[in-house]
Amino acid sequence: MLDLYQNLTAYGTVYETRYTMSNVDKFVDWTEENFDYVRYNPRKEIDRWGLSITSLDGGLSGTPDLDSLPNYNKENNTQYYEQHFKTPTPVYDFPSVKEVLDPIKDYICRTHVLKLNSGGYFPPHRDFTRDIFKTYRLIIPLRNIEPPCFNFVIEDKIQNFKKGVVYFVDTAKIHYLFNASQNPSYMIVVNVIINKETVEFVTNNFLYP
């Protein structure tokens, strides 16, 4: 798995694919009108929220898929990992979500809309450690994700994401997020199981081959 992950990162820390999600503003409004966002990692009083696109049972409770899995597993004597959260929720049914994710539908897991309200943040962290690389991350920026109002920093570089574009992001690198604006910021975070097919999904679809 590490070799496959290194195949992805050989081309850069962040890069665009040719996949673009349409109607992103309509999608964000639809989620707000039809669903309730739940607190992301409820143990921490940080103004960040999530809405599951895939979950353990197809439900939208956010438990435990929007929780800290290490903490949840320790408290509940469970063994959940990203790969367990593969069942689509009703959020997946939005047409442009289906359009962009259907090519790898069988391999996506623990996927959600992430919402950071004003002042919401993620402190510096890595999503992978040691040699455990079973998934990789795609990010789809949706709304209010441009600097200086919103900063997504990987190592020492602020990212200039384009709305709706599907990006590969190497989140094994230290990264952090902060919403410095007065409005919520939204993005989709996709965890993808690493195998030859999903690596080719990215490497065969560079924006600049």
N, C-alpha and C. Protein backbone atom coordinates (compact mmCIF):
# COMPACT_ATOMS: atom_id res chain seq x y z
N MET A 1 0.82 -1.21 0.00
CA MET A 1 0.00 0.00 0.00
C MET A 1 0.86 1.27 0.00
N LEU A 2 1.97 1.21 0.72
CA LEU A 2 2.84 2.38 0.76
C LEU A 2 3.38 2.71 -0.62
N ASP A 3 3.72 1.69 -1.40
CA ASP A 3 4.22 1.93 -2.76
C ASP A 3 3.17 2.63 -3.61
N LEU A 4 1.90 2.21 -3.48
CA LEU A 4 0.82 2.85 -4.24
C LEU A 4 0.63 4.29 -3.79
N TYR A 5 0.72 4.53 -2.49
CA TYR A 5 0.58 5.91 -2.00
C TYR A 5 1.73 6.77 -2.52
N GLN A 6 2.91 6.23 -2.52
CA GLN A 6 4.06 6.99 -3.03
C GLN A 6 3.92 7.26 -4.53
N ASN A 7 3.23 6.38 -5.24
CA ASN A 7 2.95 6.62 -6.65
C ASN A 7 2.11 7.89 -6.81
N LEU A 8 1.15 8.08 -5.92
CA LEU A 8 0.32 9.28 -5.97
C LEU A 8 1.11 10.53 -5.62
N THR A 9 1.93 10.45 -4.58
CA THR A 9 2.63 11.63 -4.09
C THR A 9 3.84 12.00 -4.94
N ALA A 10 4.26 11.10 -5.84
CA ALA A 10 5.39 11.41 -6.71
C ALA A 10 5.10 12.61 -7.60
N TYR A 11 3.83 12.88 -7.84
CA TYR A 11 3.45 13.95 -8.76
C TYR A 11 3.19 15.28 -8.05
N GLY A 12 3.22 15.28 -6.73
CA GLY A 12 3.02 16.52 -6.00
C GLY A 12 2.27 16.30 -4.71
N THR A 13 2.28 17.33 -3.86
CA THR A 13 1.56 17.28 -2.59
C THR A 13 0.09 17.55 -2.80
N VAL A 14 -0.22 18.46 -3.71
CA VAL A 14 -1.60 18.81 -4.07
C VAL A 14 -1.65 18.99 -5.57
N TYR A 15 -2.65 18.37 -6.21
CA TYR A 15 -2.81 18.64 -7.64
C TYR A 15 -4.24 18.38 -8.09
N GLU A 16 -4.60 19.09 -9.15
CA GLU A 16 -5.95 19.02 -9.70
C GLU A 16 -6.13 17.78 -10.57
N THR A 17 -7.34 17.26 -10.55
CA THR A 17 -7.73 16.27 -11.53
C THR A 17 -8.67 16.92 -12.54
N ARG A 18 -9.04 16.17 -13.55
CA ARG A 18 -9.98 16.68 -14.56
C ARG A 18 -11.43 16.60 -14.09
N TYR A 19 -11.63 15.99 -12.92
CA TYR A 19 -12.99 15.87 -12.40
C TYR A 19 -13.40 17.17 -11.71
N THR A 20 -14.60 17.63 -12.03
CA THR A 20 -15.14 18.83 -11.41
C THR A 20 -16.59 18.58 -11.04
N MET A 21 -16.96 18.93 -9.84
CA MET A 21 -18.33 18.79 -9.38
C MET A 21 -19.12 20.03 -9.78
N SER A 22 -20.24 19.84 -10.42
CA SER A 22 -21.09 20.96 -10.84
C SER A 22 -22.10 21.31 -9.75
N ASN A 23 -22.71 22.48 -9.86
CA ASN A 23 -23.80 22.91 -8.98
C ASN A 23 -23.41 22.87 -7.50
N VAL A 24 -22.19 23.31 -7.20
CA VAL A 24 -21.74 23.19 -5.81
C VAL A 24 -22.52 24.10 -4.86
N ASP A 25 -22.86 25.30 -5.30
CA ASP A 25 -23.63 26.19 -4.42
C ASP A 25 -25.04 25.64 -4.20
N LYS A 26 -25.62 25.10 -5.23
CA LYS A 26 -26.94 24.47 -5.10
C LYS A 26 -26.87 23.29 -4.15
N PHE A 27 -25.78 22.52 -4.23
CA PHE A 27 -25.60 21.38 -3.34
C PHE A 27 -25.50 21.84 -1.88
N VAL A 28 -24.68 22.86 -1.61
CA VAL A 28 -24.53 23.35 -0.24
C VAL A 28 -25.87 23.82 0.30
N ASP A 29 -26.61 24.60 -0.50
CA ASP A 29 -27.92 25.08 -0.05
C ASP A 29 -28.87 23.92 0.21
N TRP A 30 -28.82 22.91 -0.65
CA TRP A 30 -29.69 21.72 -0.50
C TRP A 30 -29.39 21.00 0.80
N THR A 31 -28.10 20.86 1.14
CA THR A 31 -27.77 20.18 2.39
C THR A 31 -28.28 20.96 3.59
N GLU A 32 -28.17 22.26 3.55
CA GLU A 32 -28.61 23.08 4.69
C GLU A 32 -30.13 23.05 4.83
N GLU A 33 -30.82 22.95 3.72
CA GLU A 33 -32.28 22.95 3.76
C GLU A 33 -32.87 21.61 4.16
N ASN A 34 -32.14 20.52 3.92
CA ASN A 34 -32.73 19.19 4.08
C ASN A 34 -32.12 18.33 5.18
N PHE A 35 -30.97 18.73 5.73
CA PHE A 35 -30.30 17.89 6.70
C PHE A 35 -29.76 18.73 7.86
N ASP A 36 -29.42 18.04 8.92
CA ASP A 36 -28.80 18.69 10.08
C ASP A 36 -27.34 18.30 10.16
N TYR A 37 -26.46 19.29 10.07
CA TYR A 37 -25.05 19.04 10.30
C TYR A 37 -24.84 18.71 11.79
N VAL A 38 -23.89 17.82 12.07
CA VAL A 38 -23.58 17.45 13.45
C VAL A 38 -22.14 17.83 13.75
N ARG A 39 -21.87 18.01 15.04
CA ARG A 39 -20.54 18.47 15.42
C ARG A 39 -19.48 17.44 15.03
N TYR A 40 -18.40 17.94 14.45
CA TYR A 40 -17.26 17.09 14.07
C TYR A 40 -16.37 16.94 15.30
N ASN A 41 -16.13 15.69 15.72
CA ASN A 41 -15.39 15.38 16.93
C ASN A 41 -15.99 16.14 18.13
N PRO A 42 -17.10 15.63 18.67
CA PRO A 42 -17.84 16.35 19.70
C PRO A 42 -17.10 16.55 21.01
N ARG A 43 -15.94 15.93 21.19
CA ARG A 43 -15.18 16.13 22.41
C ARG A 43 -14.51 17.50 22.47
N LYS A 44 -14.43 18.16 21.33
CA LYS A 44 -13.72 19.43 21.28
C LYS A 44 -14.68 20.56 20.92
N GLU A 45 -14.60 21.63 21.68
CA GLU A 45 -15.48 22.78 21.46
C GLU A 45 -14.92 23.68 20.37
N ILE A 46 -14.86 23.12 19.16
CA ILE A 46 -14.40 23.87 18.00
C ILE A 46 -15.57 23.95 17.03
N ASP A 47 -15.78 25.12 16.42
CA ASP A 47 -16.97 25.34 15.60
C ASP A 47 -16.80 24.72 14.21
N ARG A 48 -16.84 23.39 14.19
CA ARG A 48 -16.72 22.65 12.94
C ARG A 48 -17.75 21.52 12.95
N TRP A 49 -18.29 21.25 11.76
CA TRP A 49 -19.46 20.39 11.64
C TRP A 49 -19.31 19.48 10.43
N GLY A 50 -20.08 18.42 10.41
CA GLY A 50 -20.00 17.49 9.29
C GLY A 50 -21.35 16.94 8.89
N LEU A 51 -21.42 16.46 7.68
CA LEU A 51 -22.61 15.81 7.14
C LEU A 51 -22.13 14.61 6.33
N SER A 52 -22.51 13.42 6.77
CA SER A 52 -21.96 12.19 6.18
C SER A 52 -22.50 11.94 4.78
N ILE A 53 -21.61 11.63 3.86
CA ILE A 53 -21.97 11.17 2.52
C ILE A 53 -21.91 9.65 2.48
N THR A 54 -20.99 9.07 3.24
CA THR A 54 -21.02 7.64 3.52
C THR A 54 -20.89 7.48 5.03
N SER A 55 -21.46 6.40 5.54
CA SER A 55 -21.39 6.14 6.98
C SER A 55 -21.43 4.65 7.23
N LEU A 56 -21.48 4.27 8.49
CA LEU A 56 -21.46 2.86 8.85
C LEU A 56 -22.72 2.15 8.38
N ASP A 57 -23.87 2.79 8.53
CA ASP A 57 -25.16 2.16 8.24
C ASP A 57 -26.02 2.95 7.27
N GLY A 58 -25.46 3.97 6.63
CA GLY A 58 -26.24 4.82 5.74
C GLY A 58 -26.99 5.92 6.46
N GLY A 59 -26.78 6.05 7.77
CA GLY A 59 -27.45 7.07 8.56
C GLY A 59 -26.64 8.34 8.66
N LEU A 60 -27.24 9.36 9.28
CA LEU A 60 -26.65 10.69 9.32
C LEU A 60 -26.35 11.16 10.75
N SER A 61 -26.26 10.22 11.67
CA SER A 61 -26.01 10.60 13.06
C SER A 61 -24.60 11.15 13.26
N GLY A 62 -23.67 10.75 12.38
CA GLY A 62 -22.28 11.15 12.55
C GLY A 62 -21.53 10.30 13.55
N THR A 63 -22.21 9.35 14.17
CA THR A 63 -21.58 8.48 15.16
C THR A 63 -21.36 7.09 14.57
N PRO A 64 -20.13 6.63 14.53
CA PRO A 64 -18.90 7.33 14.96
C PRO A 64 -18.11 7.97 13.83
N ASP A 65 -18.68 8.06 12.62
CA ASP A 65 -17.86 8.46 11.47
C ASP A 65 -17.39 9.90 11.50
N LEU A 66 -18.05 10.78 12.26
CA LEU A 66 -17.59 12.15 12.39
C LEU A 66 -16.91 12.40 13.73
N ASP A 67 -16.67 11.32 14.44
CA ASP A 67 -15.98 11.39 15.72
C ASP A 67 -14.49 11.12 15.50
N SER A 68 -13.71 11.26 16.54
CA SER A 68 -12.33 10.80 16.50
C SER A 68 -12.35 9.29 16.65
N LEU A 69 -11.98 8.57 15.59
CA LEU A 69 -12.05 7.11 15.66
C LEU A 69 -11.14 6.52 16.74
N PRO A 70 -9.90 7.01 16.92
CA PRO A 70 -9.09 6.45 18.02
C PRO A 70 -9.75 6.62 19.38
N ASN A 71 -10.32 7.80 19.63
CA ASN A 71 -10.98 8.03 20.92
C ASN A 71 -12.24 7.19 21.06
N TYR A 72 -13.02 7.13 20.00
CA TYR A 72 -14.26 6.35 20.04
C TYR A 72 -13.96 4.87 20.27
N ASN A 73 -12.98 4.35 19.55
CA ASN A 73 -12.62 2.95 19.69
C ASN A 73 -12.15 2.64 21.12
N LYS A 74 -11.37 3.53 21.68
CA LYS A 74 -10.86 3.32 23.03
C LYS A 74 -11.99 3.32 24.05
N GLU A 75 -12.94 4.24 23.90
CA GLU A 75 -14.03 4.37 24.86
C GLU A 75 -15.06 3.25 24.73
N ASN A 76 -15.22 2.72 23.52
CA ASN A 76 -16.29 1.75 23.26
C ASN A 76 -15.79 0.35 22.94
N ASN A 77 -14.48 0.16 23.05
CA ASN A 77 -13.88 -1.15 22.78
C ASN A 77 -14.26 -1.65 21.39
N THR A 78 -14.13 -0.75 20.40
CA THR A 78 -14.43 -1.08 19.01
C THR A 78 -13.15 -0.99 18.18
N GLN A 79 -13.27 -1.41 16.92
CA GLN A 79 -12.12 -1.42 16.02
C GLN A 79 -12.53 -0.83 14.67
N TYR A 80 -13.04 0.39 14.68
CA TYR A 80 -13.48 1.02 13.44
C TYR A 80 -12.33 1.75 12.77
N TYR A 81 -12.30 1.64 11.44
CA TYR A 81 -11.34 2.38 10.63
C TYR A 81 -12.11 3.00 9.46
N GLU A 82 -11.43 3.87 8.70
CA GLU A 82 -12.08 4.55 7.59
C GLU A 82 -12.82 3.59 6.67
N GLN A 83 -12.24 2.40 6.45
CA GLN A 83 -12.79 1.46 5.48
C GLN A 83 -14.16 0.90 5.89
N HIS A 84 -14.55 1.06 7.16
CA HIS A 84 -15.84 0.54 7.61
C HIS A 84 -17.01 1.43 7.19
N PHE A 85 -16.74 2.65 6.78
CA PHE A 85 -17.82 3.62 6.56
C PHE A 85 -18.07 3.79 5.06
N LYS A 86 -18.68 2.78 4.47
CA LYS A 86 -18.81 2.71 3.01
C LYS A 86 -20.26 2.84 2.51
N THR A 87 -21.22 2.84 3.40
CA THR A 87 -22.62 2.83 2.98
C THR A 87 -23.08 4.24 2.63
N PRO A 88 -23.57 4.47 1.41
CA PRO A 88 -24.01 5.82 1.05
C PRO A 88 -25.19 6.28 1.90
N THR A 89 -25.19 7.55 2.25
CA THR A 89 -26.32 8.18 2.93
C THR A 89 -27.18 8.89 1.88
N PRO A 90 -28.33 9.45 2.26
CA PRO A 90 -29.13 10.20 1.29
C PRO A 90 -28.40 11.39 0.66
N VAL A 91 -27.34 11.87 1.30
CA VAL A 91 -26.59 13.00 0.73
C VAL A 91 -25.89 12.59 -0.56
N TYR A 92 -25.54 11.32 -0.66
CA TYR A 92 -24.88 10.81 -1.87
C TYR A 92 -25.77 10.95 -3.10
N ASP A 93 -27.09 11.00 -2.89
CA ASP A 93 -28.03 10.97 -4.01
C ASP A 93 -28.09 12.27 -4.79
N PHE A 94 -27.47 13.34 -4.30
CA PHE A 94 -27.46 14.58 -5.08
C PHE A 94 -26.75 14.31 -6.40
N PRO A 95 -27.37 14.67 -7.54
CA PRO A 95 -26.85 14.22 -8.84
C PRO A 95 -25.39 14.53 -9.10
N SER A 96 -24.91 15.72 -8.75
CA SER A 96 -23.52 16.02 -9.07
C SER A 96 -22.55 15.33 -8.12
N VAL A 97 -23.02 14.95 -6.93
CA VAL A 97 -22.19 14.12 -6.05
C VAL A 97 -22.02 12.74 -6.66
N LYS A 98 -23.13 12.16 -7.10
CA LYS A 98 -23.08 10.84 -7.74
C LYS A 98 -22.20 10.88 -8.98
N GLU A 99 -22.33 11.92 -9.75
CA GLU A 99 -21.59 12.00 -11.01
C GLU A 99 -20.08 11.96 -10.77
N VAL A 100 -19.63 12.66 -9.74
CA VAL A 100 -18.19 12.76 -9.53
C VAL A 100 -17.63 11.57 -8.75
N LEU A 101 -18.46 10.93 -7.91
CA LEU A 101 -17.96 9.84 -7.07
C LEU A 101 -18.29 8.45 -7.60
N ASP A 102 -19.27 8.33 -8.48
CA ASP A 102 -19.66 7.01 -8.97
C ASP A 102 -18.51 6.20 -9.59
N PRO A 103 -17.55 6.83 -10.28
CA PRO A 103 -16.46 6.02 -10.86
C PRO A 103 -15.66 5.22 -9.83
N ILE A 104 -15.67 5.68 -8.57
CA ILE A 104 -14.95 4.95 -7.53
C ILE A 104 -15.87 4.62 -6.36
N LYS A 105 -17.16 4.52 -6.63
CA LYS A 105 -18.14 4.32 -5.56
C LYS A 105 -17.82 3.12 -4.68
N ASP A 106 -17.35 2.05 -5.25
CA ASP A 106 -17.09 0.83 -4.48
C ASP A 106 -15.90 0.98 -3.54
N TYR A 107 -15.13 2.07 -3.69
CA TYR A 107 -13.90 2.20 -2.92
C TYR A 107 -13.85 3.45 -2.05
N ILE A 108 -14.94 4.22 -2.00
CA ILE A 108 -14.91 5.38 -1.12
C ILE A 108 -15.41 4.99 0.26
N CYS A 109 -14.88 5.66 1.27
CA CYS A 109 -15.24 5.36 2.65
C CYS A 109 -15.10 6.64 3.48
N ARG A 110 -15.83 6.70 4.58
CA ARG A 110 -15.78 7.82 5.51
C ARG A 110 -15.67 9.17 4.77
N THR A 111 -16.68 9.43 3.98
CA THR A 111 -16.73 10.63 3.14
C THR A 111 -17.81 11.55 3.67
N HIS A 112 -17.53 12.85 3.73
CA HIS A 112 -18.47 13.78 4.34
C HIS A 112 -18.26 15.20 3.83
N VAL A 113 -19.29 16.01 4.04
CA VAL A 113 -19.15 17.45 3.87
C VAL A 113 -18.60 18.00 5.18
N LEU A 114 -17.57 18.80 5.09
CA LEU A 114 -16.98 19.45 6.25
C LEU A 114 -17.36 20.92 6.23
N LYS A 115 -17.90 21.40 7.34
CA LYS A 115 -18.32 22.80 7.47
C LYS A 115 -17.59 23.44 8.64
N LEU A 116 -16.86 24.49 8.36
CA LEU A 116 -16.19 25.26 9.41
C LEU A 116 -16.84 26.63 9.50
N ASN A 117 -17.47 26.90 10.63
CA ASN A 117 -18.03 28.23 10.84
C ASN A 117 -16.92 29.23 11.14
N SER A 118 -17.28 30.49 11.29
CA SER A 118 -16.30 31.53 11.57
C SER A 118 -15.46 31.15 12.79
N GLY A 119 -14.15 31.14 12.62
CA GLY A 119 -13.26 30.75 13.70
C GLY A 119 -13.01 29.26 13.79
N GLY A 120 -13.71 28.46 12.99
CA GLY A 120 -13.48 27.02 13.01
C GLY A 120 -12.12 26.67 12.45
N TYR A 121 -11.52 25.64 13.00
CA TYR A 121 -10.16 25.30 12.57
C TYR A 121 -9.85 23.83 12.85
N PHE A 122 -8.79 23.35 12.19
CA PHE A 122 -8.12 22.11 12.53
C PHE A 122 -6.67 22.48 12.84
N PRO A 123 -6.15 22.12 13.99
CA PRO A 123 -4.76 22.43 14.30
C PRO A 123 -3.81 21.59 13.45
N PRO A 124 -2.53 21.91 13.43
CA PRO A 124 -1.57 21.12 12.64
C PRO A 124 -1.61 19.64 13.02
N HIS A 125 -1.69 18.79 11.99
CA HIS A 125 -1.78 17.35 12.23
C HIS A 125 -1.44 16.61 10.95
N ARG A 126 -1.26 15.30 11.09
CA ARG A 126 -1.12 14.39 9.95
C ARG A 126 -2.27 13.40 10.00
N ASP A 127 -2.78 12.99 8.84
CA ASP A 127 -3.85 12.00 8.80
C ASP A 127 -3.33 10.57 8.79
N PHE A 128 -2.05 10.39 8.46
CA PHE A 128 -1.46 9.06 8.42
C PHE A 128 -0.14 9.09 9.17
N THR A 129 0.18 7.98 9.80
CA THR A 129 1.45 7.90 10.50
C THR A 129 2.11 6.55 10.22
N ARG A 130 3.41 6.51 10.49
CA ARG A 130 4.20 5.30 10.30
C ARG A 130 4.01 4.77 8.87
N ASP A 131 3.73 3.49 8.70
CA ASP A 131 3.64 2.92 7.36
C ASP A 131 2.22 2.44 7.05
N ILE A 132 1.22 3.03 7.74
CA ILE A 132 -0.17 2.60 7.55
C ILE A 132 -0.83 3.50 6.51
N PHE A 133 -0.85 3.04 5.26
CA PHE A 133 -1.43 3.82 4.17
C PHE A 133 -2.45 2.94 3.45
N LYS A 134 -3.66 2.91 3.96
CA LYS A 134 -4.71 2.10 3.36
C LYS A 134 -5.71 2.93 2.57
N THR A 135 -5.68 4.25 2.77
CA THR A 135 -6.57 5.16 2.05
C THR A 135 -5.79 6.40 1.64
N TYR A 136 -6.37 7.16 0.72
CA TYR A 136 -5.85 8.49 0.42
C TYR A 136 -7.00 9.48 0.39
N ARG A 137 -6.66 10.76 0.33
CA ARG A 137 -7.66 11.81 0.45
C ARG A 137 -7.84 12.58 -0.85
N LEU A 138 -9.12 12.79 -1.18
CA LEU A 138 -9.51 13.76 -2.20
C LEU A 138 -10.29 14.88 -1.50
N ILE A 139 -10.08 16.09 -1.94
CA ILE A 139 -10.78 17.26 -1.41
C ILE A 139 -11.53 17.94 -2.54
N ILE A 140 -12.80 18.28 -2.28
CA ILE A 140 -13.59 19.05 -3.24
C ILE A 140 -14.05 20.33 -2.55
N PRO A 141 -13.40 21.47 -2.81
CA PRO A 141 -13.81 22.73 -2.21
C PRO A 141 -15.19 23.14 -2.73
N LEU A 142 -16.04 23.64 -1.83
CA LEU A 142 -17.41 23.97 -2.21
C LEU A 142 -17.74 25.45 -2.10
N ARG A 143 -17.44 26.06 -0.97
CA ARG A 143 -17.85 27.46 -0.76
C ARG A 143 -16.94 28.11 0.28
N ASN A 144 -16.55 29.36 -0.01
CA ASN A 144 -15.78 30.18 0.92
C ASN A 144 -14.49 29.46 1.35
N ILE A 145 -13.71 29.08 0.37
CA ILE A 145 -12.48 28.33 0.65
C ILE A 145 -11.24 29.07 0.12
N GLU A 146 -11.40 30.36 -0.22
CA GLU A 146 -10.29 31.09 -0.82
C GLU A 146 -9.56 31.89 0.25
N PRO A 147 -8.21 31.94 0.18
CA PRO A 147 -7.46 32.82 1.07
C PRO A 147 -7.69 34.27 0.64
N PRO A 148 -7.60 35.25 1.56
CA PRO A 148 -7.18 35.11 2.96
C PRO A 148 -8.34 34.78 3.92
N CYS A 149 -9.58 34.70 3.40
CA CYS A 149 -10.70 34.44 4.31
C CYS A 149 -10.65 33.03 4.90
N PHE A 150 -10.17 32.09 4.10
CA PHE A 150 -10.03 30.71 4.56
C PHE A 150 -8.66 30.22 4.16
N ASN A 151 -7.96 29.63 5.10
CA ASN A 151 -6.61 29.14 4.82
C ASN A 151 -6.52 27.64 5.04
N PHE A 152 -6.14 26.93 3.99
CA PHE A 152 -5.81 25.51 4.07
C PHE A 152 -4.31 25.45 3.80
N VAL A 153 -3.54 25.13 4.84
CA VAL A 153 -2.09 25.20 4.76
C VAL A 153 -1.51 23.80 4.84
N ILE A 154 -0.68 23.44 3.87
CA ILE A 154 0.03 22.17 3.90
C ILE A 154 1.50 22.49 4.01
N GLU A 155 2.10 21.98 5.11
CA GLU A 155 3.44 22.38 5.49
C GLU A 155 3.48 23.90 5.57
N ASP A 156 4.16 24.61 4.69
CA ASP A 156 4.22 26.07 4.82
C ASP A 156 3.50 26.79 3.69
N LYS A 157 2.64 26.07 2.94
CA LYS A 157 2.04 26.67 1.74
C LYS A 157 0.53 26.77 1.86
N ILE A 158 0.02 28.00 1.68
CA ILE A 158 -1.42 28.21 1.62
C ILE A 158 -1.92 27.76 0.26
N GLN A 159 -2.98 26.95 0.25
CA GLN A 159 -3.51 26.42 -1.00
C GLN A 159 -4.53 27.37 -1.61
N ASN A 160 -4.50 27.48 -2.92
CA ASN A 160 -5.47 28.30 -3.65
C ASN A 160 -6.40 27.35 -4.42
N PHE A 161 -7.34 26.82 -3.72
CA PHE A 161 -8.26 25.86 -4.30
C PHE A 161 -9.30 26.54 -5.18
N LYS A 162 -9.74 25.82 -6.21
CA LYS A 162 -10.82 26.28 -7.07
C LYS A 162 -12.09 25.51 -6.72
N LYS A 163 -13.16 26.23 -6.65
CA LYS A 163 -14.44 25.65 -6.23
C LYS A 163 -14.87 24.53 -7.18
N GLY A 164 -15.22 23.39 -6.59
CA GLY A 164 -15.77 22.27 -7.34
C GLY A 164 -14.76 21.32 -7.94
N VAL A 165 -13.48 21.70 -7.95
CA VAL A 165 -12.44 20.84 -8.55
C VAL A 165 -12.10 19.71 -7.57
N VAL A 166 -11.89 18.52 -8.10
CA VAL A 166 -11.46 17.39 -7.28
C VAL A 166 -9.94 17.38 -7.22
N TYR A 167 -9.40 17.51 -6.00
CA TYR A 167 -7.96 17.55 -5.78
C TYR A 167 -7.48 16.31 -5.06
N PHE A 168 -6.33 15.79 -5.46
CA PHE A 168 -5.60 14.88 -4.59
C PHE A 168 -4.81 15.74 -3.61
N VAL A 169 -4.85 15.36 -2.33
CA VAL A 169 -4.12 16.10 -1.29
C VAL A 169 -3.37 15.09 -0.43
N ASP A 170 -2.09 15.29 -0.30
CA ASP A 170 -1.26 14.40 0.51
C ASP A 170 -1.37 14.84 1.97
N THR A 171 -2.34 14.27 2.68
CA THR A 171 -2.56 14.67 4.07
C THR A 171 -1.70 13.89 5.06
N ALA A 172 -0.72 13.13 4.54
CA ALA A 172 0.33 12.62 5.42
C ALA A 172 1.29 13.74 5.79
N LYS A 173 1.29 14.81 4.99
CA LYS A 173 2.07 16.00 5.32
C LYS A 173 1.33 16.80 6.41
N ILE A 174 2.07 17.55 7.21
CA ILE A 174 1.45 18.39 8.23
C ILE A 174 0.58 19.44 7.55
N HIS A 175 -0.66 19.56 8.01
CA HIS A 175 -1.57 20.54 7.43
C HIS A 175 -2.51 21.07 8.50
N TYR A 176 -3.06 22.24 8.24
CA TYR A 176 -4.02 22.84 9.16
C TYR A 176 -4.96 23.77 8.40
N LEU A 177 -6.14 24.01 8.98
CA LEU A 177 -7.19 24.78 8.33
C LEU A 177 -7.70 25.83 9.31
N PHE A 178 -8.11 26.99 8.78
CA PHE A 178 -8.68 28.03 9.63
C PHE A 178 -9.62 28.91 8.82
N ASN A 179 -10.83 29.10 9.32
CA ASN A 179 -11.79 30.00 8.69
C ASN A 179 -11.74 31.34 9.39
N ALA A 180 -11.14 32.32 8.74
CA ALA A 180 -10.99 33.65 9.31
C ALA A 180 -12.09 34.60 8.87
N SER A 181 -13.08 34.09 8.15
CA SER A 181 -14.15 34.95 7.64
C SER A 181 -15.36 34.92 8.57
N GLN A 182 -16.39 35.67 8.20
CA GLN A 182 -17.63 35.69 8.97
C GLN A 182 -18.64 34.68 8.46
N ASN A 183 -18.30 33.96 7.41
CA ASN A 183 -19.23 33.02 6.78
C ASN A 183 -18.70 31.60 6.86
N PRO A 184 -19.61 30.60 6.84
CA PRO A 184 -19.15 29.21 6.89
C PRO A 184 -18.35 28.83 5.64
N SER A 185 -17.43 27.91 5.82
CA SER A 185 -16.67 27.33 4.72
C SER A 185 -17.07 25.87 4.58
N TYR A 186 -17.15 25.39 3.33
CA TYR A 186 -17.59 24.02 3.06
C TYR A 186 -16.63 23.34 2.09
N MET A 187 -16.41 22.06 2.33
CA MET A 187 -15.67 21.23 1.39
C MET A 187 -16.13 19.79 1.58
N ILE A 188 -15.89 18.96 0.57
CA ILE A 188 -16.11 17.52 0.71
C ILE A 188 -14.76 16.85 0.92
N VAL A 189 -14.71 15.98 1.92
CA VAL A 189 -13.52 15.19 2.21
C VAL A 189 -13.83 13.74 1.84
N VAL A 190 -13.06 13.19 0.92
CA VAL A 190 -13.29 11.82 0.43
C VAL A 190 -12.10 10.96 0.83
N ASN A 191 -12.38 9.89 1.56
CA ASN A 191 -11.36 8.87 1.82
C ASN A 191 -11.53 7.77 0.78
N VAL A 192 -10.46 7.40 0.12
CA VAL A 192 -10.50 6.41 -0.96
C VAL A 192 -9.58 5.25 -0.60
N ILE A 193 -10.09 4.04 -0.69
CA ILE A 193 -9.28 2.86 -0.44
C ILE A 193 -8.22 2.72 -1.53
N ILE A 194 -7.00 2.51 -1.12
CA ILE A 194 -5.90 2.43 -2.08
C ILE A 194 -5.85 1.06 -2.74
N ASN A 195 -5.92 1.07 -4.05
CA ASN A 195 -5.64 -0.11 -4.86
C ASN A 195 -5.27 0.40 -6.26
N LYS A 196 -4.94 -0.50 -7.14
CA LYS A 196 -4.49 -0.11 -8.47
C LYS A 196 -5.55 0.71 -9.20
N GLU A 197 -6.81 0.33 -9.08
CA GLU A 197 -7.88 1.03 -9.79
C GLU A 197 -8.05 2.46 -9.29
N THR A 198 -8.00 2.65 -7.97
CA THR A 198 -8.23 4.00 -7.46
C THR A 198 -7.02 4.90 -7.67
N VAL A 199 -5.84 4.34 -7.67
CA VAL A 199 -4.66 5.14 -7.99
C VAL A 199 -4.74 5.59 -9.44
N GLU A 200 -5.16 4.70 -10.34
CA GLU A 200 -5.30 5.08 -11.74
C GLU A 200 -6.42 6.11 -11.95
N PHE A 201 -7.43 6.10 -11.09
CA PHE A 201 -8.48 7.12 -11.15
C PHE A 201 -7.88 8.52 -11.07
N VAL A 202 -6.84 8.65 -10.26
CA VAL A 202 -6.17 9.94 -10.12
C VAL A 202 -5.11 10.12 -11.21
N THR A 203 -4.22 9.16 -11.34
CA THR A 203 -3.07 9.36 -12.21
C THR A 203 -3.42 9.35 -13.70
N ASN A 204 -4.56 8.78 -14.06
CA ASN A 204 -4.99 8.83 -15.45
C ASN A 204 -5.83 10.07 -15.76
N ASN A 205 -6.04 10.89 -14.74
CA ASN A 205 -6.91 12.05 -14.93
C ASN A 205 -6.31 13.33 -14.39
N PHE A 206 -4.99 13.47 -14.57
CA PHE A 206 -4.35 14.76 -14.25
C PHE A 206 -4.97 15.87 -15.10
N LEU A 207 -5.13 17.04 -14.51
CA LEU A 207 -5.53 18.18 -15.32
C LEU A 207 -4.44 18.52 -16.33
N TYR A 208 -3.19 18.39 -15.88
CA TYR A 208 -2.05 18.67 -16.76
C TYR A 208 -1.21 17.40 -16.86
N PRO A 209 -1.56 16.49 -17.78
CA PRO A 209 -0.83 15.22 -17.89
C PRO A 209 0.58 15.43 -18.44
